[in-house]
C-alpha atoms as a PDB file:
ATOM      1  CA  MET A   1      32.092 -32.191  -5.129  1.00  0.00           C
ATOM      2  CA  GLU A   2      30.101 -30.987  -8.135  1.00  0.00           C
ATOM      3  CA  ILE A   3      26.879 -31.957  -6.370  1.00  0.00           C
ATOM      4  CA  LEU A   4      27.983 -29.977  -3.303  1.00  0.00           C
ATOM      5  CA  PHE A   5      28.711 -26.871  -5.383  1.00  0.00           C
ATOM      6  CA  GLY A   6      25.378 -27.306  -7.133  1.00  0.00           C
ATOM      7  CA  ILE A   7      23.482 -27.376  -3.849  1.00  0.00           C
ATOM      8  CA  LEU A   8      25.447 -24.342  -2.594  1.00  0.00           C
ATOM      9  CA  PHE A   9      24.607 -22.431  -5.785  1.00  0.00           C
ATOM     10  CA  ILE A  10      20.902 -23.198  -5.399  1.00  0.00           C
ATOM     11  CA  LEU A  11      20.944 -22.052  -1.766  1.00  0.00           C
ATOM     12  CA  ILE A  12      22.592 -18.756  -2.753  1.00  0.00           C
ATOM     13  CA  ILE A  13      19.942 -18.156  -5.450  1.00  0.00           C
ATOM     14  CA  MET A  14      17.150 -18.914  -2.954  1.00  0.00           C
ATOM     15  CA  PHE A  15      18.688 -16.513  -0.424  1.00  0.00           C
ATOM     16  CA  PHE A  16      18.824 -13.603  -2.884  1.00  0.00           C
ATOM     17  CA  ALA A  17      15.288 -14.377  -4.070  1.00  0.00           C
ATOM     18  CA  TYR A  18      14.099 -14.162  -0.458  1.00  0.00           C
ATOM     19  CA  ILE A  19      15.833 -10.781  -0.025  1.00  0.00           C
ATOM     20  CA  VAL A  20      14.162  -9.386  -3.154  1.00  0.00           C
ATOM     21  CA  ILE A  21      10.710 -10.647  -2.175  1.00  0.00           C
ATOM     22  CA  SER A  22      11.056  -9.367   1.395  1.00  0.00           C
ATOM     23  CA  SER A  23      12.234  -5.989   0.139  1.00  0.00           C
ATOM     24  CA  GLY A  24       9.244  -5.778  -2.195  1.00  0.00           C
ATOM     25  CA  ALA A  25       6.800  -6.644   0.581  1.00  0.00           C
ATOM     26  CA  GLN A  26       8.310  -4.034   2.887  1.00  0.00           C
ATOM     27  CA  SER A  27       8.178  -1.347   0.197  1.00  0.00           C
ATOM     28  CA  ARG A  28       4.486  -2.100  -0.345  1.00  0.00           C
ATOM     29  CA  ARG A  29       3.835  -1.904   3.380  1.00  0.00           C
ATOM     30  CA  TYR A  30       5.498   1.478   3.757  1.00  0.00           C
ATOM     31  CA  ALA A  31       4.375   2.616   0.293  1.00  0.00           C
ATOM     32  CA  PHE A  32       7.283   4.855  -0.558  1.00  0.00           C
ATOM     33  CA  PRO A  33       6.417   7.221  -3.411  1.00  0.00           C
ATOM     34  CA  PRO A  34       7.303   5.997  -6.892  1.00  0.00           C
ATOM     35  CA  LYS A  35      10.314   7.714  -8.474  1.00  0.00           C
ATOM     36  CA  ARG A  36       8.637   7.845 -11.871  1.00  0.00           C
ATOM     37  CA  PHE A  37       5.758  10.204 -12.477  1.00  0.00           C
ATOM     38  CA  ASP A  38       2.484   8.349 -13.088  1.00  0.00           C
ATOM     39  CA  GLY A  39       1.352   9.391 -16.556  1.00  0.00           C
ATOM     40  CA  ARG A  40      -2.289   9.216 -15.466  1.00  0.00           C
ATOM     41  CA  LEU A  41      -1.686  12.283 -13.309  1.00  0.00           C
ATOM     42  CA  ASP A  42      -1.229  14.522 -16.360  1.00  0.00           C
ATOM     43  CA  GLU A  43      -5.006  14.848 -16.462  1.00  0.00           C
ATOM     44  CA  ILE A  44      -5.037  16.106 -12.865  1.00  0.00           C
ATOM     45  CA  THR A  45      -1.845  18.022 -12.162  1.00  0.00           C
ATOM     46  CA  SER A  46       1.589  18.907 -13.512  1.00  0.00           C
ATOM     47  CA  ARG A  47       4.841  17.150 -12.748  1.00  0.00           C
ATOM     48  CA  GLU A  48       6.230  20.313 -11.159  1.00  0.00           C
ATOM     49  CA  ARG A  49       3.441  20.811  -8.623  1.00  0.00           C
ATOM     50  CA  GLY A  50       3.504  19.182  -5.222  1.00  0.00           C
ATOM     51  CA  THR A  51       5.685  16.359  -3.918  1.00  0.00           C
ATOM     52  CA  GLN A  52       6.296  12.750  -4.904  1.00  0.00           C
ATOM     53  CA  SER A  53       4.211  11.673  -1.931  1.00  0.00           C
ATOM     54  CA  GLU A  54       1.267  13.770  -3.112  1.00  0.00           C
ATOM     55  CA  HIS A  55       1.627  12.212  -6.559  1.00  0.00           C
ATOM     56  CA  ALA A  56       1.705   8.752  -4.943  1.00  0.00           C
ATOM     57  CA  LEU A  57      -1.508   9.569  -3.080  1.00  0.00           C
ATOM     58  CA  ILE A  58      -3.241  10.587  -6.307  1.00  0.00           C
ATOM     59  CA  SER A  59      -2.097   7.343  -7.953  1.00  0.00           C
ATOM     60  CA  THR A  60      -3.642   5.406  -5.055  1.00  0.00           C
ATOM     61  CA  LEU A  61      -6.923   7.285  -5.460  1.00  0.00           C
ATOM     62  CA  LEU A  62      -6.971   6.449  -9.170  1.00  0.00           C
ATOM     63  CA  ASP A  63      -6.194   2.798  -8.427  1.00  0.00           C
ATOM     64  CA  TYR A  64      -9.123   2.780  -6.010  1.00  0.00           C
ATOM     65  CA  GLY A  65     -11.414   3.811  -8.859  1.00  0.00           C
ATOM     66  CA  ILE A  66     -11.965   7.502  -8.169  1.00  0.00           C
ATOM     67  CA  SER A  67     -12.460   9.540 -11.327  1.00  0.00           C
ATOM     68  CA  PRO A  68      -9.600  11.907 -12.206  1.00  0.00           C
ATOM     69  CA  LYS A  69     -12.232  14.628 -12.691  1.00  0.00           C
ATOM     70  CA  ALA A  70     -13.083  14.391  -8.987  1.00  0.00           C
ATOM     71  CA  ILE A  71      -9.469  14.783  -7.774  1.00  0.00           C
ATOM     72  CA  PHE A  72      -8.000  18.248  -7.184  1.00  0.00           C
ATOM     73  CA  HIS A  73      -4.343  18.777  -6.344  1.00  0.00           C
ATOM     74  CA  ASP A  74      -2.447  21.670  -4.748  1.00  0.00           C
ATOM     75  CA  LEU A  75      -5.379  23.970  -4.033  1.00  0.00           C
ATOM     76  CA  TYR A  76      -5.066  27.582  -2.845  1.00  0.00           C
ATOM     77  CA  VAL A  77      -8.366  28.518  -1.214  1.00  0.00           C
ATOM     78  CA  LYS A  78      -8.993  32.194  -0.534  1.00  0.00           C
ATOM     79  CA  ASN A  79      -8.901  33.062   3.139  1.00  0.00           C
ATOM     80  CA  GLY A  80      -9.685  36.604   4.195  1.00  0.00           C
ATOM     81  CA  LYS A  81      -7.423  36.518   7.243  1.00  0.00           C
ATOM     82  CA  TYR A  82      -4.230  34.967   5.909  1.00  0.00           C
ATOM     83  CA  GLY A  83      -4.679  35.251   2.149  1.00  0.00           C
ATOM     84  CA  PHE A  84      -4.888  31.580   1.162  1.00  0.00           C
ATOM     85  CA  ALA A  85      -5.157  28.138   2.723  1.00  0.00           C
ATOM     86  CA  GLN A  86      -3.121  25.529   0.847  1.00  0.00           C
ATOM     87  CA  ILE A  87      -4.668  22.051   0.536  1.00  0.00           C
ATOM     88  CA  ASP A  88      -2.626  19.101  -0.746  1.00  0.00           C
ATOM     89  CA  VAL A  89      -5.456  17.059  -2.281  1.00  0.00           C
ATOM     90  CA  ALA A  90      -9.257  17.344  -2.241  1.00  0.00           C
ATOM     91  CA  VAL A  91     -11.695  14.812  -3.663  1.00  0.00           C
ATOM     92  CA  ALA A  92     -15.370  15.430  -4.423  1.00  0.00           C
ATOM     93  CA  THR A  93     -17.298  12.205  -3.799  1.00  0.00           C
ATOM     94  CA  CYS A  94     -20.895  11.051  -3.504  1.00  0.00           C
ATOM     95  CA  VAL A  95     -20.604  10.984   0.307  1.00  0.00           C
ATOM     96  CA  GLY A  96     -18.923  14.377   0.673  1.00  0.00           C
ATOM     97  CA  ILE A  97     -15.579  16.072   0.212  1.00  0.00           C
ATOM     98  CA  ILE A  98     -12.392  14.380   1.360  1.00  0.00           C
ATOM     99  CA  VAL A  99      -9.502  16.692   2.213  1.00  0.00           C
ATOM    100  CA  PHE A 100      -6.027  15.133   2.412  1.00  0.00           C
ATOM    101  CA  GLU A 101      -2.972  16.403   4.250  1.00  0.00           C
ATOM    102  CA  VAL A 102       0.244  14.648   3.185  1.00  0.00           C
ATOM    103  CA  LYS A 103       3.235  14.346   5.515  1.00  0.00           C
ATOM    104  CA  ASP A 104       6.733  12.961   4.902  1.00  0.00           C
ATOM    105  CA  TYR A 105       8.340  11.758   8.124  1.00  0.00           C
ATOM    106  CA  SER A 106      10.650   9.043   9.374  1.00  0.00           C
ATOM    107  CA  GLY A 107      11.057   7.885  12.958  1.00  0.00           C
ATOM    108  CA  TRP A 108       8.235   7.490  15.484  1.00  0.00           C
ATOM    109  CA  ILE A 109       5.183   9.740  15.549  1.00  0.00           C
ATOM    110  CA  PHE A 110       3.286  10.596  18.739  1.00  0.00           C
ATOM    111  CA  GLY A 111       0.290  12.899  19.143  1.00  0.00           C
ATOM    112  CA  ARG A 112      -3.286  13.475  20.255  1.00  0.00           C
ATOM    113  CA  GLY A 113      -6.126  15.081  18.371  1.00  0.00           C
ATOM    114  CA  LYS A 114      -6.180  18.417  20.220  1.00  0.00           C
ATOM    115  CA  ASP A 115      -2.464  18.803  21.000  1.00  0.00           C
ATOM    116  CA  MET A 116      -1.003  21.908  19.395  1.00  0.00           C
ATOM    117  CA  LYS A 117       2.208  20.034  18.567  1.00  0.00           C
ATOM    118  CA  TRP A 118       3.030  16.425  17.758  1.00  0.00           C
ATOM    119  CA  THR A 119       6.347  14.679  18.349  1.00  0.00           C
ATOM    120  CA  GLN A 120       8.720  12.924  15.987  1.00  0.00           C
ATOM    121  CA  GLY A 121      11.191  10.631  17.751  1.00  0.00           C
ATOM    122  CA  PHE A 122      14.430   8.944  16.729  1.00  0.00           C
ATOM    123  CA  TYR A 123      16.824   6.539  18.391  1.00  0.00           C
ATOM    124  CA  ASP A 124      20.494   6.969  17.538  1.00  0.00           C
ATOM    125  CA  LYS A 125      21.825   3.424  17.856  1.00  0.00           C
ATOM    126  CA  TYR A 126      25.431   4.543  17.472  1.00  0.00           C
ATOM    127  CA  ASN A 127      25.319   7.057  20.323  1.00  0.00           C
ATOM    128  CA  ARG A 128      22.563   5.171  22.140  1.00  0.00           C
ATOM    129  CA  SER A 129      20.515   8.336  22.543  1.00  0.00           C
ATOM    130  CA  LYS A 130      16.986   9.480  21.744  1.00  0.00           C
ATOM    131  CA  HIS A 131      16.111  12.641  19.828  1.00  0.00           C
ATOM    132  CA  THR A 132      12.702  14.278  19.507  1.00  0.00           C
ATOM    133  CA  TYR A 133      11.362  17.068  17.324  1.00  0.00           C
ATOM    134  CA  ARG A 134       8.073  18.929  17.531  1.00  0.00           C
ATOM    135  CA  PHE A 135       5.849  19.769  14.557  1.00  0.00           C
ATOM    136  CA  GLN A 136       2.427  21.264  13.957  1.00  0.00           C
ATOM    137  CA  ASN A 137      -0.513  18.969  14.691  1.00  0.00           C
ATOM    138  CA  PRO A 138      -1.630  17.861  11.188  1.00  0.00           C
ATOM    139  CA  ILE A 139      -5.179  17.166  12.399  1.00  0.00           C
ATOM    140  CA  LEU A 140      -5.649  20.780  13.509  1.00  0.00           C
ATOM    141  CA  GLN A 141      -3.816  21.966  10.411  1.00  0.00           C
ATOM    142  CA  ASN A 142      -6.199  20.137   8.097  1.00  0.00           C
ATOM    143  CA  GLU A 143      -9.206  21.214  10.183  1.00  0.00           C
ATOM    144  CA  SER A 144      -8.259  24.829   9.537  1.00  0.00           C
ATOM    145  CA  HIS A 145      -8.019  24.123   5.805  1.00  0.00           C
ATOM    146  CA  ILE A 146     -11.479  22.556   5.801  1.00  0.00           C
ATOM    147  CA  LYS A 147     -12.988  25.518   7.685  1.00  0.00           C
ATOM    148  CA  VAL A 148     -11.667  27.895   5.042  1.00  0.00           C
ATOM    149  CA  LEU A 149     -13.030  25.690   2.262  1.00  0.00           C
ATOM    150  CA  GLN A 150     -16.440  25.462   3.936  1.00  0.00           C
ATOM    151  CA  LYS A 151     -16.753  29.252   3.779  1.00  0.00           C
ATOM    152  CA  GLN A 152     -16.630  29.208  -0.017  1.00  0.00           C
ATOM    153  CA  SER A 153     -20.247  28.090  -0.475  1.00  0.00           C
ATOM    154  CA  GLU A 154     -23.493  28.062   1.484  1.00  0.00           C
ATOM    155  CA  GLN A 155     -24.128  24.424   0.526  1.00  0.00           C
ATOM    156  CA  PHE A 156     -20.833  23.388   2.142  1.00  0.00           C
ATOM    157  CA  LYS A 157     -22.537  23.870   5.517  1.00  0.00           C
ATOM    158  CA  HIS A 158     -24.701  20.841   4.733  1.00  0.00           C
ATOM    159  CA  ILE A 159     -22.117  18.627   3.013  1.00  0.00           C
ATOM    160  CA  PRO A 160     -19.954  16.220   5.054  1.00  0.00           C
ATOM    161  CA  PHE A 161     -16.202  16.854   5.029  1.00  0.00           C
ATOM    162  CA  TYR A 162     -13.696  14.124   5.827  1.00  0.00           C
ATOM    163  CA  SER A 163     -10.123  14.825   6.915  1.00  0.00           C
ATOM    164  CA  VAL A 164      -7.403  12.310   6.058  1.00  0.00           C
ATOM    165  CA  ILE A 165      -3.806  12.683   7.239  1.00  0.00           C
ATOM    166  CA  VAL A 166      -1.410  10.419   5.326  1.00  0.00           C
ATOM    167  CA  PHE A 167       2.109   9.782   6.638  1.00  0.00           C
ATOM    168  CA  TYR A 168       4.660   8.780   4.009  1.00  0.00           C
ATOM    169  CA  GLY A 169       8.388   8.323   4.562  1.00  0.00           C
ATOM    170  CA  GLY A 170       8.434   5.035   6.454  1.00  0.00           C
ATOM    171  CA  CYS A 171       7.604   6.509   9.864  1.00  0.00           C
ATOM    172  CA  GLU A 172       5.834   4.488  12.560  1.00  0.00           C
ATOM    173  CA  LEU A 173       2.628   5.765  14.162  1.00  0.00           C
ATOM    174  CA  ARG A 174       3.484   4.895  17.757  1.00  0.00           C
ATOM    175  CA  ASP A 175       0.813   6.616  19.860  1.00  0.00           C
ATOM    176  CA  ILE A 176      -1.890   8.539  17.988  1.00  0.00           C
ATOM    177  CA  SER A 177      -5.086   9.013  19.998  1.00  0.00           C
ATOM    178  CA  PHE A 178      -8.232  11.134  20.435  1.00  0.00           C
ATOM    179  CA  VAL A 179      -8.733  11.373  16.681  1.00  0.00           C
ATOM    180  CA  PRO A 180     -12.029  13.253  16.028  1.00  0.00           C
ATOM    181  CA  ASN A 181     -14.987  11.753  14.161  1.00  0.00           C
ATOM    182  CA  GLY A 182     -14.662  12.159  10.424  1.00  0.00           C
ATOM    183  CA  THR A 183     -10.856  12.352  10.706  1.00  0.00           C
ATOM    184  CA  PHE A 184      -8.432   9.567   9.794  1.00  0.00           C
ATOM    185  CA  VAL A 185      -4.679   9.182  10.301  1.00  0.00           C
ATOM    186  CA  ALA A 186      -3.101   6.514   8.109  1.00  0.00           C
ATOM    187  CA  LYS A 187      -0.051   5.066   6.475  1.00  0.00           C
ATOM    188  CA  PRO A 188      -0.276   4.796   2.663  1.00  0.00           C
ATOM    189  CA  TYR A 189      -0.810   1.033   2.590  1.00  0.00           C
ATOM    190  CA  ARG A 190      -4.019   1.490   4.647  1.00  0.00           C
ATOM    191  CA  LEU A 191      -5.564   4.146   2.402  1.00  0.00           C
ATOM    192  CA  ASN A 192      -7.995   1.727   0.773  1.00  0.00           C
ATOM    193  CA  ASP A 193      -9.320   0.816   4.224  1.00  0.00           C
ATOM    194  CA  VAL A 194      -9.826   4.503   5.016  1.00  0.00           C
ATOM    195  CA  LEU A 195     -11.688   5.054   1.759  1.00  0.00           C
ATOM    196  CA  ASP A 196     -13.837   1.962   2.348  1.00  0.00           C
ATOM    197  CA  THR A 197     -14.815   3.362   5.756  1.00  0.00           C
ATOM    198  CA  ILE A 198     -15.652   6.800   4.356  1.00  0.00           C
ATOM    199  CA  PHE A 199     -17.768   5.389   1.538  1.00  0.00           C
ATOM    200  CA  GLU A 200     -19.887   3.470   4.033  1.00  0.00           C
ATOM    201  CA  ASN A 201     -21.597   6.804   4.841  1.00  0.00           C
ATOM    202  CA  LYS A 202     -24.801   7.887   3.155  1.00  0.00           C
ATOM    203  CA  ASP A 203     -24.748  10.114   0.082  1.00  0.00           C
ATOM    204  CA  ALA A 204     -24.272  13.828   0.595  1.00  0.00           C
ATOM    205  CA  GLU A 205     -27.097  16.215  -0.299  1.00  0.00           C
ATOM    206  CA  TYR A 206     -25.462  18.451  -2.892  1.00  0.00           C
ATOM    207  CA  THR A 207     -27.610  21.328  -4.124  1.00  0.00           C
ATOM    208  CA  ASP A 208     -25.276  22.361  -6.940  1.00  0.00           C
ATOM    209  CA  LYS A 209     -22.522  19.896  -7.901  1.00  0.00           C
ATOM    210  CA  HIS A 210     -21.352  22.198 -10.690  1.00  0.00           C
ATOM    211  CA  GLU A 211     -20.618  24.942  -8.150  1.00  0.00           C
ATOM    212  CA  VAL A 212     -18.584  22.520  -6.026  1.00  0.00           C
ATOM    213  CA  MET A 213     -16.426  21.525  -8.977  1.00  0.00           C
ATOM    214  CA  GLU A 214     -15.942  25.149 -10.002  1.00  0.00           C
ATOM    215  CA  ILE A 215     -14.836  26.179  -6.505  1.00  0.00           C
ATOM    216  CA  LEU A 216     -12.300  23.365  -6.304  1.00  0.00           C
ATOM    217  CA  LYS A 217     -11.026  23.967  -9.845  1.00  0.00           C
ATOM    218  CA  SER A 218     -10.664  27.693  -9.143  1.00  0.00           C
ATOM    219  CA  ALA A 219      -8.594  26.893  -6.047  1.00  0.00           C
ATOM    220  CA  VAL A 220      -6.285  24.745  -8.184  1.00  0.00           C
ATOM    221  CA  ASP A 221      -5.987  27.540 -10.742  1.00  0.00           C
ATOM    222  CA  ASN A 222      -4.955  29.941  -7.964  1.00  0.00           C
ATOM    223  CA  GLY A 223      -1.851  27.806  -7.515  1.00  0.00           C
ATOM    224  CA  ASN A 224      -0.786  28.513 -11.095  1.00  0.00           C
ATOM    225  CA  ASP A 225      -0.035  32.086 -10.045  1.00  0.00           C
ATOM    226  CA  THR A 226       3.547  32.375  -8.771  1.00  0.00           C
ATOM    227  CA  GLU A 227       2.680  35.582  -6.933  1.00  0.00           C
ATOM    228  CA  THR A 228      -0.093  33.775  -5.035  1.00  0.00           C
ATOM    229  CA  LYS A 229       2.302  31.045  -3.898  1.00  0.00           C
ATOM    230  CA  THR A 230       4.932  33.564  -2.838  1.00  0.00           C
ATOM    231  CA  LYS A 231       2.377  35.601  -0.909  1.00  0.00           C
ATOM    232  CA  HIS A 232       1.090  32.459   0.811  1.00  0.00           C
ATOM    233  CA  VAL A 233       4.585  31.537   2.022  1.00  0.00           C
ATOM    234  CA  GLU A 234       5.124  35.085   3.281  1.00  0.00           C
ATOM    235  CA  ASN A 235       1.788  35.049   5.137  1.00  0.00           C
ATOM    236  CA  ILE A 236       2.632  31.755   6.853  1.00  0.00           C
ATOM    237  CA  LYS A 237       6.061  33.068   7.818  1.00  0.00           C
ATOM    238  CA  ASP A 238       4.535  36.244   9.228  1.00  0.00           C
ATOM    239  CA  MET A 239       1.851  34.282  11.110  1.00  0.00           C
ATOM    240  CA  LEU A 240       4.445  31.986  12.733  1.00  0.00           C
ATOM    241  CA  GLY A 241       6.713  34.927  13.524  1.00  0.00           C
ATOM    242  CA  THR A 242       9.831  32.761  13.851  1.00  0.00           C
ATOM    243  CA  ASP A 243      11.946  35.525  12.322  1.00  0.00           C
ATOM    244  CA  ARG A 244      11.025  37.727  15.272  1.00  0.00           C
ATOM    245  CA  VAL A 245      12.547  35.370  17.837  1.00  0.00           C
ATOM    246  CA  PHE A 246      16.064  36.275  18.981  1.00  0.00           C
ATOM    247  CA  GLU A 247      17.821  33.696  21.145  1.00  0.00           C
END
């Protein structure tokens, strides 16, 4: 009897060990943002700026070996038409400037490169019904951010820009197609592969690297102004015009 209980105890321990290991592997695959703030980010941003997913992205960039001096978070780039364009993360690299757009979604994601809207889908297993929601195409959204940034310097016309859309939140990219050249859509656990692909390109021909860093740093500093952030939100709200729709 004692031998039987001993075997049963060992099997229970092995079962719980399997659950823990499987849970860890799944969390790495979906790369949920860490709950604790990565202390390395203090050199780049503040704990109050941005989201946990943006902080997780910066941690990944640091793990990859990118210098903290080359990473810029929560940028507000001056845009004559709408006031400011807000960029989640920008990185100045030897091959060009990488501009990141961070999204937090669950469910299934569907979309094509030039569609105005993408679709987020859910399946309610209790009611056995499907639900879909529409949201702004992040590829076009980030393209508009890059166009505003490119206007900040004459040399930006000759420097490659790369657009990276990162989906956090455990969503599944079901049908994403017609992604333009120089644009990447990825889950967090594939970010290193995206960066490897980008760094395969030849070096960019910067004419004034100091100017590039100053432009990006100035855009970050713009975000320190509460009035700038408030005005940006108001401009977006006015541009969308949802408050002028009466159903």
